[in-house]
Amino acid sequence: MGFALFEILMVITELEPPSKDGKVVWLCVWGVFTLLNFIGTLNANRVVQFVFASLTALFFLLAAGVNNADIHVLAGYVGIVCGSSALYLGWAEVMNELAGRELCYIGPVKNKVF
């Protein structure tokens, strides 16, 4: 919400837009944070791992896309895939819980990493 609020404030107030370097650093920091969270998901199911891996890729692609329009478009497609997989995960978790068994595939991990 912080990024969206910042963008909205730039439109409705007289804030100066930030430098592109600041956006790149901000997106890279979120990419590193998400990468560390991805490492924490290595014992979770495969769909959770995919969501965090694609989210990590999304942040780094958005950082690279600040100065390149083609990469920015690619990041948009990765964002659609990431969001769709997160929606599927939420739906599958609810359906599996209600059914009391694995009704929707979420890829349980058999070999724990740590």
Protein backbone atom coordinates (compact mmCIF):
# COMPACT_ATOMS: atom_id res chain seq x y z
CA MET A 1 0.00 0.00 0.00
CA GLY A 2 2.91 2.34 0.58
CA PHE A 3 3.86 2.54 -3.09
CA ALA A 4 0.26 3.07 -4.23
CA LEU A 5 -0.28 5.77 -1.61
CA PHE A 6 2.92 7.47 -2.70
CA GLU A 7 1.82 7.45 -6.36
CA ILE A 8 -1.62 8.83 -5.43
CA LEU A 9 -0.09 11.59 -3.32
CA MET A 10 2.09 12.62 -6.26
CA VAL A 11 -1.06 13.09 -8.36
CA ILE A 12 -3.27 14.92 -5.84
CA THR A 13 -0.58 17.07 -4.20
CA GLU A 14 2.37 19.07 -5.41
CA LEU A 15 5.02 16.53 -4.46
CA GLU A 16 8.02 16.37 -6.70
CA PRO A 17 8.38 13.00 -8.42
CA PRO A 18 11.31 10.99 -7.06
CA SER A 19 14.38 10.24 -9.09
CA LYS A 20 14.37 7.01 -11.02
CA ASP A 21 17.34 5.80 -8.99
CA GLY A 22 15.26 6.02 -5.83
CA LYS A 23 12.55 3.83 -7.33
CA VAL A 24 15.13 1.29 -8.45
CA VAL A 25 16.65 1.08 -4.96
CA TRP A 26 13.21 0.84 -3.35
CA LEU A 27 12.15 -2.01 -5.66
CA CYS A 28 15.46 -3.83 -5.16
CA VAL A 29 15.07 -3.64 -1.37
CA TRP A 30 11.63 -5.22 -1.70
CA GLY A 31 13.13 -7.82 -4.05
CA VAL A 32 15.75 -8.79 -1.47
CA PHE A 33 13.12 -8.93 1.27
CA THR A 34 10.91 -11.16 -0.87
CA LEU A 35 13.88 -13.37 -1.77
CA LEU A 36 14.56 -13.92 1.93
CA ASN A 37 10.88 -14.79 2.42
CA PHE A 38 11.15 -17.21 -0.50
CA ILE A 39 13.98 -19.01 1.28
CA GLY A 40 11.65 -19.34 4.26
CA THR A 41 9.03 -21.02 2.06
CA LEU A 42 11.29 -23.89 1.01
CA ASN A 43 9.53 -26.14 3.53
CA ALA A 44 6.07 -24.99 2.40
CA ASN A 45 4.08 -26.35 -0.51
CA ARG A 46 5.17 -25.78 -4.10
CA VAL A 47 2.49 -23.21 -4.94
CA VAL A 48 3.61 -20.97 -2.06
CA GLN A 49 7.17 -21.33 -3.32
CA PHE A 50 6.05 -20.37 -6.83
CA VAL A 51 4.19 -17.31 -5.57
CA PHE A 52 7.23 -16.03 -3.70
CA ALA A 53 9.66 -16.90 -6.50
CA SER A 54 7.54 -15.07 -9.07
CA LEU A 55 7.07 -12.13 -6.69
CA THR A 56 10.85 -11.91 -6.25
CA ALA A 57 11.31 -11.94 -10.02
CA LEU A 58 8.58 -9.32 -10.34
CA PHE A 59 10.28 -6.85 -8.00
CA PHE A 60 13.64 -7.20 -9.74
CA LEU A 61 12.03 -6.91 -13.17
CA LEU A 62 10.16 -3.79 -12.06
CA ALA A 63 13.47 -2.35 -10.85
CA ALA A 64 15.07 -3.09 -14.21
CA GLY A 65 11.98 -1.80 -15.99
CA VAL A 66 12.25 1.68 -14.51
CA ASN A 67 14.67 2.54 -17.32
CA ASN A 68 13.49 0.05 -19.98
CA ALA A 69 9.91 -0.06 -21.25
CA ASP A 70 10.17 -3.59 -22.68
CA ILE A 71 11.28 -5.04 -19.35
CA HIS A 72 8.51 -3.08 -17.66
CA VAL A 73 5.94 -4.78 -19.92
CA LEU A 74 7.51 -8.18 -19.16
CA ALA A 75 7.21 -7.36 -15.46
CA GLY A 76 3.52 -6.72 -16.02
CA TYR A 77 3.05 -10.21 -17.42
CA VAL A 78 5.02 -11.73 -14.54
CA GLY A 79 2.80 -9.76 -12.17
CA ILE A 80 -0.32 -11.23 -13.76
CA VAL A 81 1.10 -14.75 -13.38
CA CYS A 82 2.14 -14.06 -9.78
CA GLY A 83 -1.25 -12.61 -8.84
CA SER A 84 -3.12 -15.44 -10.55
CA SER A 85 -1.06 -18.06 -8.73
CA ALA A 86 -1.68 -16.30 -5.41
CA LEU A 87 -5.42 -16.28 -6.10
CA TYR A 88 -5.29 -19.99 -6.95
CA LEU A 89 -3.36 -20.71 -3.76
CA GLY A 90 -5.93 -18.94 -1.62
CA TRP A 91 -8.80 -20.73 -3.34
CA ALA A 92 -7.06 -24.13 -3.16
CA GLU A 93 -6.26 -23.76 0.54
CA VAL A 94 -9.91 -22.99 1.33
CA MET A 95 -11.22 -25.83 -0.84
CA ASN A 96 -8.76 -28.34 0.65
CA GLU A 97 -9.66 -27.26 4.17
CA LEU A 98 -13.38 -27.54 3.51
CA ALA A 99 -13.01 -30.94 1.84
CA GLY A 100 -10.72 -32.27 4.56
CA ARG A 101 -8.35 -33.65 1.93
CA GLU A 102 -6.25 -32.45 -0.98
CA LEU A 103 -8.94 -31.59 -3.47
CA CYS A 104 -6.86 -28.98 -5.32
CA TYR A 105 -3.20 -29.65 -6.01
CA ILE A 106 -0.81 -27.42 -4.06
CA GLY A 107 2.32 -29.57 -4.31
CA PRO A 108 3.20 -30.75 -0.82
CA VAL A 109 6.92 -30.91 -0.05
CA LYS A 110 8.18 -34.39 0.79
CA ASN A 111 11.83 -33.59 1.51
CA LYS A 112 12.23 -30.75 4.01
CA VAL A 113 15.13 -28.42 3.30
CA PHE A 114 15.78 -27.32 6.89
